Each structure stands twice: as C-alpha cells, then as structure tokens.
N, C-alpha and C. Protein backbone atom coordinates (compact mmCIF):
# COMPACT_ATOMS: atom_id res chain seq x y z
N MET A 1 0.67 -0.87 0.24
CA MET A 1 0.28 0.35 -0.09
C MET A 1 0.43 1.34 -0.25
N ILE A 2 0.23 2.50 -0.91
CA ILE A 2 1.31 3.04 -0.55
C ILE A 2 0.08 4.62 0.22
N THR A 3 1.27 5.29 0.74
CA THR A 3 0.34 6.65 1.60
C THR A 3 1.01 7.89 1.23
N VAL A 4 0.10 8.55 0.70
CA VAL A 4 0.93 9.77 0.15
C VAL A 4 1.03 11.26 1.10
N PHE A 5 1.29 11.66 2.01
CA PHE A 5 1.15 12.98 2.16
C PHE A 5 1.18 14.43 1.02
N PHE A 6 0.89 15.42 1.61
CA PHE A 6 0.64 16.25 0.11
C PHE A 6 0.32 17.33 1.09
N ASP A 7 1.49 18.61 0.37
CA ASP A 7 1.17 20.21 1.24
C ASP A 7 1.21 20.97 0.59
N GLY A 8 0.84 22.55 0.97
CA GLY A 8 1.09 23.39 0.10
C GLY A 8 1.14 24.55 0.84
N LEU A 9 0.95 26.15 0.21
CA LEU A 9 1.05 27.08 1.31
C LEU A 9 1.61 28.15 -0.30
N CYS A 10 0.87 29.54 0.33
CA CYS A 10 1.29 30.35 -0.37
C CYS A 10 1.88 31.57 -0.13
N SER A 11 2.40 32.32 0.37
CA SER A 11 3.33 33.40 0.90
C SER A 11 4.67 33.95 0.14
N PRO A 12 4.81 35.20 0.72
CA PRO A 12 4.27 35.54 2.57
C PRO A 12 3.15 36.60 2.36
N LYS A 13 2.11 36.00 1.41
CA LYS A 13 0.82 36.64 1.22
C LYS A 13 -0.19 35.62 0.58
N ASN A 14 -1.77 35.37 0.88
CA ASN A 14 -2.62 34.69 0.34
C ASN A 14 -3.52 35.48 0.03
N PRO A 15 -4.08 35.86 -0.84
CA PRO A 15 -3.33 35.43 -1.90
C PRO A 15 -2.60 36.21 -2.34
N GLY A 16 -1.60 36.05 -3.74
CA GLY A 16 -0.83 37.28 -4.63
C GLY A 16 0.26 36.19 -4.10
N GLY A 17 1.08 35.80 -3.10
CA GLY A 17 2.72 35.21 -3.07
C GLY A 17 3.11 33.98 -3.79
N VAL A 18 3.90 33.42 -3.44
CA VAL A 18 4.56 31.53 -3.79
C VAL A 18 3.52 31.22 -3.31
N ALA A 19 2.96 30.85 -4.19
CA ALA A 19 2.49 29.02 -4.14
C ALA A 19 3.53 27.65 -3.97
N ALA A 20 3.60 26.98 -3.27
CA ALA A 20 4.70 25.84 -3.44
C ALA A 20 4.38 24.85 -2.73
N TYR A 21 4.85 24.11 -2.96
CA TYR A 21 4.56 22.62 -2.33
C TYR A 21 5.18 21.25 -2.18
N GLY A 22 4.60 20.98 -1.26
CA GLY A 22 6.45 18.89 -1.47
C GLY A 22 4.52 17.91 -0.86
N TYR A 23 5.31 16.57 -1.06
CA TYR A 23 5.06 15.48 -0.81
C TYR A 23 5.75 14.36 -1.02
N LEU A 24 5.32 13.57 0.38
CA LEU A 24 5.83 12.48 0.93
C LEU A 24 5.36 11.08 -0.43
N VAL A 25 6.17 9.73 -0.81
CA VAL A 25 5.10 8.89 -1.13
C VAL A 25 5.99 7.34 0.05
N TYR A 26 4.89 6.86 0.80
CA TYR A 26 5.69 6.30 1.55
C TYR A 26 4.56 4.46 0.70
N ARG A 27 5.92 3.92 1.20
CA ARG A 27 4.70 2.14 0.86
C ARG A 27 5.16 1.75 1.97
N ASN A 28 4.13 0.79 2.10
CA ASN A 28 4.23 -0.08 3.40
C ASN A 28 4.99 0.85 4.51
N GLY A 29 4.91 1.64 4.46
CA GLY A 29 5.62 2.59 5.73
C GLY A 29 6.71 3.20 5.59
N GLU A 30 7.94 3.02 5.09
CA GLU A 30 8.83 3.50 4.60
C GLU A 30 8.80 4.18 2.99
N LEU A 31 9.65 5.30 3.41
CA LEU A 31 9.27 6.45 2.55
C LEU A 31 10.39 5.90 1.56
N ILE A 32 9.64 5.96 -0.09
CA ILE A 32 10.22 5.57 -1.31
C ILE A 32 10.47 7.49 -2.04
N HIS A 33 9.68 7.90 -1.79
CA HIS A 33 10.34 9.07 -2.91
C HIS A 33 9.48 10.08 -1.76
N LYS A 34 10.20 12.20 -2.29
CA LYS A 34 9.38 12.74 -2.02
C LYS A 34 9.41 14.05 -3.11
N GLY A 35 9.00 14.57 -3.84
CA GLY A 35 8.85 16.11 -4.13
C GLY A 35 8.07 17.70 -3.45
N TRP A 36 8.94 18.39 -4.41
CA TRP A 36 8.64 19.95 -4.27
C TRP A 36 8.48 20.85 -5.54
N GLY A 37 7.92 22.05 -5.40
CA GLY A 37 7.74 22.31 -6.35
C GLY A 37 7.41 23.82 -6.28
N VAL A 38 7.65 24.85 -6.61
CA VAL A 38 6.51 26.06 -6.87
C VAL A 38 5.97 26.14 -8.02
N VAL A 39 4.88 26.60 -7.80
CA VAL A 39 3.25 26.62 -8.68
C VAL A 39 3.78 27.84 -9.45
N GLY A 40 3.87 29.05 -9.16
CA GLY A 40 4.13 30.15 -9.66
C GLY A 40 4.55 31.74 -8.51
N GLU A 41 3.74 32.82 -8.79
CA GLU A 41 3.66 34.16 -7.69
C GLU A 41 3.19 35.22 -8.59
N GLY A 42 2.48 35.01 -7.44
CA GLY A 42 1.45 36.69 -8.21
C GLY A 42 -0.18 35.86 -8.01
N MET A 43 -0.67 36.60 -9.14
CA MET A 43 -1.88 36.98 -9.35
C MET A 43 -2.13 35.15 -9.53
N GLY A 44 -3.32 34.65 -8.99
CA GLY A 44 -4.08 34.28 -8.99
C GLY A 44 -2.97 32.28 -8.38
N MET A 45 -2.08 32.96 -7.51
CA MET A 45 -1.25 31.94 -7.22
C MET A 45 -2.19 32.14 -5.30
N THR A 46 -2.75 30.72 -4.74
CA THR A 46 -3.02 30.99 -3.18
C THR A 46 -2.60 28.88 -2.42
N ASN A 47 -3.63 29.32 -0.80
CA ASN A 47 -2.82 28.03 -0.49
C ASN A 47 -4.23 27.13 -1.37
N ASN A 48 -4.84 27.28 -1.80
CA ASN A 48 -5.72 25.39 -2.34
C ASN A 48 -4.52 26.02 -3.64
N VAL A 49 -4.32 26.65 -4.79
CA VAL A 49 -4.49 26.28 -5.92
C VAL A 49 -2.88 25.15 -5.80
N ALA A 50 -1.46 26.04 -4.99
CA ALA A 50 -0.49 24.96 -4.45
C ALA A 50 -0.69 23.50 -3.36
N GLU A 51 -1.94 23.55 -3.11
CA GLU A 51 -2.42 22.36 -2.05
C GLU A 51 -2.77 21.42 -3.48
N TYR A 52 -3.25 21.86 -4.64
CA TYR A 52 -3.94 20.50 -4.99
C TYR A 52 -2.70 20.62 -6.49
N GLU A 53 -1.87 21.70 -6.59
CA GLU A 53 -1.01 21.16 -7.28
C GLU A 53 0.05 19.83 -6.61
N ALA A 54 0.14 20.28 -5.15
CA ALA A 54 0.88 18.77 -4.92
C ALA A 54 0.51 17.52 -5.02
N LEU A 55 -1.37 18.03 -4.91
CA LEU A 55 -1.95 16.44 -5.70
C LEU A 55 -1.58 15.95 -6.38
N LEU A 56 -1.53 16.98 -7.38
CA LEU A 56 -1.80 16.45 -9.28
C LEU A 56 -0.02 16.13 -8.88
N ALA A 57 1.26 16.86 -8.29
CA ALA A 57 2.76 15.99 -8.76
C ALA A 57 2.64 14.61 -8.04
N ALA A 58 1.87 14.57 -6.63
CA ALA A 58 2.24 13.44 -6.12
C ALA A 58 1.49 12.26 -7.01
N ILE A 59 0.49 12.56 -7.52
CA ILE A 59 -0.83 11.20 -8.85
C ILE A 59 0.01 11.04 -9.40
N ARG A 60 0.95 12.39 -10.81
CA ARG A 60 2.07 12.21 -11.50
C ARG A 60 2.88 11.09 -11.59
N TRP A 61 3.51 11.31 -9.68
CA TRP A 61 4.23 9.85 -9.67
C TRP A 61 4.07 8.24 -9.47
N ILE A 62 2.68 8.53 -9.20
CA ILE A 62 1.84 7.47 -8.57
C ILE A 62 1.76 6.71 -9.70
N ARG A 63 1.14 7.88 -11.04
CA ARG A 63 0.38 7.18 -12.56
C ARG A 63 2.23 6.67 -12.70
N ALA A 64 2.81 7.46 -12.53
CA ALA A 64 4.15 6.41 -13.15
C ALA A 64 4.80 5.62 -12.55
N ASN A 65 5.04 5.59 -11.28
CA ASN A 65 5.81 4.84 -10.83
C ASN A 65 5.05 3.70 -9.98
N ALA A 66 3.49 3.80 -10.00
CA ALA A 66 3.66 2.26 -8.98
C ALA A 66 1.55 2.71 -9.32
N PRO A 67 0.27 2.31 -10.70
CA PRO A 67 -0.26 2.61 -10.70
C PRO A 67 -1.02 1.50 -10.40
N GLN A 68 -0.64 0.01 -9.72
CA GLN A 68 -1.47 -1.03 -9.40
C GLN A 68 -2.28 -0.98 -8.08
N ASP A 69 -1.55 -0.15 -7.11
CA ASP A 69 -1.20 -0.35 -5.94
C ASP A 69 -2.11 0.80 -5.12
N ARG A 70 -2.73 0.35 -4.68
CA ARG A 70 -3.83 0.99 -3.58
C ARG A 70 -2.79 2.29 -3.14
N VAL A 71 -3.70 3.79 -2.79
CA VAL A 71 -3.04 4.75 -2.47
C VAL A 71 -3.86 5.64 -1.15
N VAL A 72 -3.04 5.89 -0.27
CA VAL A 72 -3.60 6.56 0.52
C VAL A 72 -3.56 8.29 0.88
N PHE A 73 -4.28 8.82 -0.15
CA PHE A 73 -4.17 10.49 0.67
C PHE A 73 -4.34 10.93 1.65
N LYS A 74 -2.85 11.49 1.61
CA LYS A 74 -3.18 12.45 3.25
C LYS A 74 -2.61 13.42 3.30
N GLY A 75 -4.02 14.80 3.73
CA GLY A 75 -4.00 16.08 4.00
C GLY A 75 -4.02 16.60 4.75
N ASP A 76 -3.57 17.99 4.91
CA ASP A 76 -4.35 18.76 5.87
C ASP A 76 -5.22 19.66 5.81
N SER A 77 -5.41 19.86 4.59
CA SER A 77 -6.89 20.88 3.84
C SER A 77 -8.10 19.69 3.43
N ARG A 78 -9.12 20.29 4.61
CA ARG A 78 -10.16 20.33 4.56
C ARG A 78 -10.95 20.24 3.92
N LEU A 79 -10.74 21.55 2.72
CA LEU A 79 -11.60 21.85 1.48
C LEU A 79 -11.04 20.63 0.59
N VAL A 80 -9.57 20.29 -0.04
CA VAL A 80 -9.15 19.86 -0.97
C VAL A 80 -9.74 17.68 -0.13
N VAL A 81 -9.28 17.57 0.69
CA VAL A 81 -10.10 16.27 1.41
C VAL A 81 -10.96 16.22 0.57
N LYS A 82 -12.19 16.67 1.75
CA LYS A 82 -13.60 16.88 1.15
C LYS A 82 -14.69 16.83 -0.25
N GLN A 83 -13.70 18.05 -0.61
CA GLN A 83 -13.77 17.73 -2.18
C GLN A 83 -13.61 16.66 -2.88
N MET A 84 -12.27 16.35 -3.46
CA MET A 84 -12.47 14.99 -3.49
C MET A 84 -12.61 13.66 -3.12
N ARG A 85 -13.40 13.86 -1.88
CA ARG A 85 -14.43 13.09 -1.90
C ARG A 85 -15.80 13.54 -1.97
N GLY A 86 -15.81 14.51 -2.89
CA GLY A 86 -17.50 14.20 -2.95
C GLY A 86 -18.27 14.46 -1.96
N GLU A 87 -18.00 15.21 -0.68
CA GLU A 87 -17.99 15.88 0.32
C GLU A 87 -18.59 16.89 0.95
N TRP A 88 -17.81 17.88 -0.21
CA TRP A 88 -18.61 19.58 -0.18
C TRP A 88 -18.79 19.67 -1.57
N MET A 89 -19.44 20.67 -1.77
CA MET A 89 -19.33 21.38 -3.15
C MET A 89 -18.29 22.03 -4.08
N VAL A 90 -18.22 21.19 -4.86
CA VAL A 90 -16.79 22.34 -6.11
C VAL A 90 -17.51 23.51 -7.19
N ARG A 91 -16.81 25.07 -5.69
CA ARG A 91 -17.75 26.57 -6.43
C ARG A 91 -16.45 27.12 -7.00
N SER A 92 -15.30 27.34 -6.24
CA SER A 92 -14.80 28.17 -6.85
C SER A 92 -13.82 28.07 -8.20
N GLU A 93 -13.61 28.87 -8.50
CA GLU A 93 -12.58 28.62 -9.66
C GLU A 93 -11.61 27.67 -10.48
N THR A 94 -10.62 28.04 -8.72
CA THR A 94 -9.76 26.57 -8.65
C THR A 94 -10.28 25.23 -8.97
N SER A 95 -11.60 25.23 -7.62
CA SER A 95 -11.72 23.99 -7.15
C SER A 95 -12.66 23.60 -8.41
N ARG A 96 -12.93 24.10 -9.82
CA ARG A 96 -13.56 23.65 -10.55
C ARG A 96 -12.66 23.61 -11.92
N ARG A 97 -11.03 23.71 -11.61
CA ARG A 97 -10.02 23.60 -12.22
C ARG A 97 -9.48 22.52 -12.01
N TYR A 98 -9.13 21.82 -10.62
CA TYR A 98 -8.68 21.53 -10.59
C TYR A 98 -9.12 19.83 -10.17
N VAL A 99 -10.24 19.62 -9.42
CA VAL A 99 -11.17 18.74 -9.17
C VAL A 99 -10.98 17.43 -9.79
N PRO A 100 -12.14 17.89 -10.93
CA PRO A 100 -12.39 17.42 -12.54
C PRO A 100 -11.18 16.82 -12.63
N LEU A 101 -10.38 17.37 -13.21
CA LEU A 101 -8.81 16.54 -13.74
C LEU A 101 -7.89 15.68 -12.21
N ILE A 102 -7.94 16.21 -11.49
CA ILE A 102 -7.44 15.50 -10.17
C ILE A 102 -7.71 14.13 -10.68
N LYS A 103 -9.96 14.16 -10.30
CA LYS A 103 -10.13 12.71 -10.91
C LYS A 103 -10.41 11.47 -11.91
N SER A 104 -10.14 12.39 -13.00
CA SER A 104 -9.83 12.01 -13.87
C SER A 104 -8.43 10.96 -14.28
N MET A 105 -7.30 11.92 -13.88
CA MET A 105 -6.60 11.45 -12.95
C MET A 105 -5.93 10.14 -12.27
N LEU A 106 -7.19 10.04 -11.97
CA LEU A 106 -7.26 8.68 -10.44
C LEU A 106 -7.61 7.57 -11.00
N GLU A 107 -8.86 7.48 -12.58
CA GLU A 107 -9.25 7.06 -12.97
C GLU A 107 -8.42 5.56 -12.69
N GLY A 108 -8.80 4.06 -12.93
CA GLY A 108 -8.94 3.25 -12.56
C GLY A 108 -7.16 2.54 -11.30
N ILE A 109 -7.11 3.54 -10.33
CA ILE A 109 -6.79 3.46 -9.34
C ILE A 109 -7.33 3.63 -7.83
N ASP A 110 -7.33 2.47 -7.30
CA ASP A 110 -7.65 2.29 -6.46
C ASP A 110 -7.02 3.19 -5.00
N HIS A 111 -8.08 4.56 -4.06
CA HIS A 111 -7.20 5.00 -3.92
C HIS A 111 -8.69 5.37 -2.83
N GLU A 112 -7.70 6.61 -2.16
CA GLU A 112 -8.85 7.11 -0.88
C GLU A 112 -8.18 8.08 -0.59
N PHE A 113 -9.36 9.40 -0.07
CA PHE A 113 -8.55 11.01 0.34
C PHE A 113 -8.87 10.44 1.96
N VAL A 114 -7.98 11.22 2.58
CA VAL A 114 -8.19 11.39 4.20
C VAL A 114 -7.35 12.12 5.01
N TRP A 115 -8.34 12.68 5.79
CA TRP A 115 -7.84 14.21 6.29
C TRP A 115 -7.21 14.19 7.74
N VAL A 116 -5.76 14.38 7.24
CA VAL A 116 -5.28 14.60 8.88
C VAL A 116 -4.93 16.66 9.67
N PRO A 117 -4.86 16.03 11.09
CA PRO A 117 -4.30 17.41 11.36
C PRO A 117 -3.15 17.85 10.83
N ARG A 118 -2.58 19.58 10.81
CA ARG A 118 -1.36 20.02 10.88
C ARG A 118 -0.40 19.02 11.13
N GLU A 119 -0.48 18.73 12.65
CA GLU A 119 0.89 17.96 13.21
C GLU A 119 0.89 16.53 12.64
N ALA A 120 0.28 16.23 11.83
CA ALA A 120 0.51 15.11 11.33
C ALA A 120 1.25 15.19 10.15
N ASN A 121 1.00 16.50 9.19
CA ASN A 121 1.54 16.61 8.17
C ASN A 121 2.62 17.12 8.11
N ALA A 122 4.01 17.60 9.37
CA ALA A 122 4.87 18.38 9.28
C ALA A 122 5.24 17.85 8.19
N GLU A 123 6.34 16.67 7.34
CA GLU A 123 7.18 16.38 6.78
C GLU A 123 6.90 16.93 5.29
N ALA A 124 5.29 16.85 4.94
CA ALA A 124 5.07 17.60 3.51
C ALA A 124 5.24 19.06 3.83
N ASP A 125 4.56 19.09 4.91
CA ASP A 125 4.55 21.36 5.30
C ASP A 125 5.74 21.73 4.64
N ALA A 126 6.73 20.93 5.70
CA ALA A 126 8.42 21.39 5.77
C ALA A 126 8.92 21.45 4.18
N LEU A 127 8.73 20.40 2.98
CA LEU A 127 9.00 20.22 1.10
C LEU A 127 7.97 21.58 1.28
N SER A 128 7.02 21.57 1.75
CA SER A 128 6.64 23.20 0.78
C SER A 128 7.65 24.30 1.55
N LYS A 129 7.66 24.37 2.36
CA LYS A 129 8.73 25.57 3.69
C LYS A 129 10.11 25.89 2.94
N TYR A 130 10.79 24.18 2.29
CA TYR A 130 11.77 24.12 1.45
C TYR A 130 11.62 25.03 0.66
N ALA A 131 10.52 24.42 -0.34
CA ALA A 131 10.23 25.02 -1.84
C ALA A 131 9.82 26.26 -1.41
N TYR A 132 9.55 27.01 -0.99
CA TYR A 132 9.20 28.52 -0.69
C TYR A 132 11.08 28.98 -1.24
N GLU A 133 12.00 28.21 0.05
CA GLU A 133 12.97 30.01 0.06
C GLU A 133 14.17 28.85 -0.61
N MET A 134 13.76 28.18 -1.43
CA MET A 134 14.39 27.74 -2.43
C MET A 134 14.26 29.40 -3.96
N HIS A 135 12.78 29.22 -3.52
CA HIS A 135 12.37 29.86 -4.59
C HIS A 135 12.82 31.04 -4.20
N ARG A 136 12.65 31.74 -3.31
CA ARG A 136 12.83 32.75 -2.67
C ARG A 136 14.79 33.41 -2.75
N ARG A 137 15.67 32.78 -2.32
CA ARG A 137 16.98 32.87 -2.51
C ARG A 137 17.30 32.95 -4.00
N ARG A 138 16.59 31.64 -4.94
CA ARG A 138 17.19 31.90 -6.39
C ARG A 138 16.85 33.54 -6.60
N GLN A 139 15.41 35.12 -5.91
CA GLN A 139 15.35 35.84 -6.67
C GLN A 139 16.25 36.66 -6.30
N GLU A 140 16.48 36.59 -5.18
CA GLU A 140 18.26 37.08 -4.19
C GLU A 140 19.02 37.91 -4.86
C-alpha cells in the first residue's frame, strides 16, 4: 500500500504570494519518494492552488511508478480532501479547474482521501517551506 502526504502554501501573502508544495510517498511505511516545487507567484496563486498542485504532482508520480498500488492520500486541507471525496461542493474557479482533472487522473487507481491534522503532516509542510525558501533565495 502507498501512502501520500501532501501540502501546499502561499507565502508571504495569500492570495498573491509564492505558491509552493511538497509531498512524500511511502510504501508500507517506508519513504520511497519525495517531491516539491513552486507553482508560481502573484496573481492567481493561493494556498488552495498549492495544495491541489501538490496532489497533482504526487498523482503524476504514482501513475508513472505505482499505478497498480492502493493509494491513501493524506492532507491537512479540509477543502481539498472533502472536495475530492465528493463531500463538499466544488464552487470556486480553482476547485472547478482542479477537481475534475484530478478525478480523471485517478481513474483506474484504487485510492482514498484522508484528512489529517497539521501536526500529522509536518514532513509535507516542511517540503513546501523548503520549495518556497529555494525559490526566494534564487530571487535574491
């Protein structure tokens, strides 16, 4: 079984800052991959954009490397988790852009989404902060 922890941030301001993300992939409790990146900066960038992009990056990795595995996605964004489970309406432009795309990318993959408290997502949070810091340093 695969467990994916994902997180995103938009800093130093939300909206309009730098949207960055991180994710970790575990197989049977052992870390097998981690990724991070920057989505963009300025207009259109939000925490939610970063969260969805973290999930997309993780799904791309899963599709390329473990498409037959059962996957549990764990995140601390209630919005993302509840929308992906179909429990909350998809209203915002951001959600209308990401939710159908992510659902289509998950077709054929046995998966579920689980909300976790922020403390249980510290490693993914640290990777998103790392991505932001690397971006900021390149700008100096």
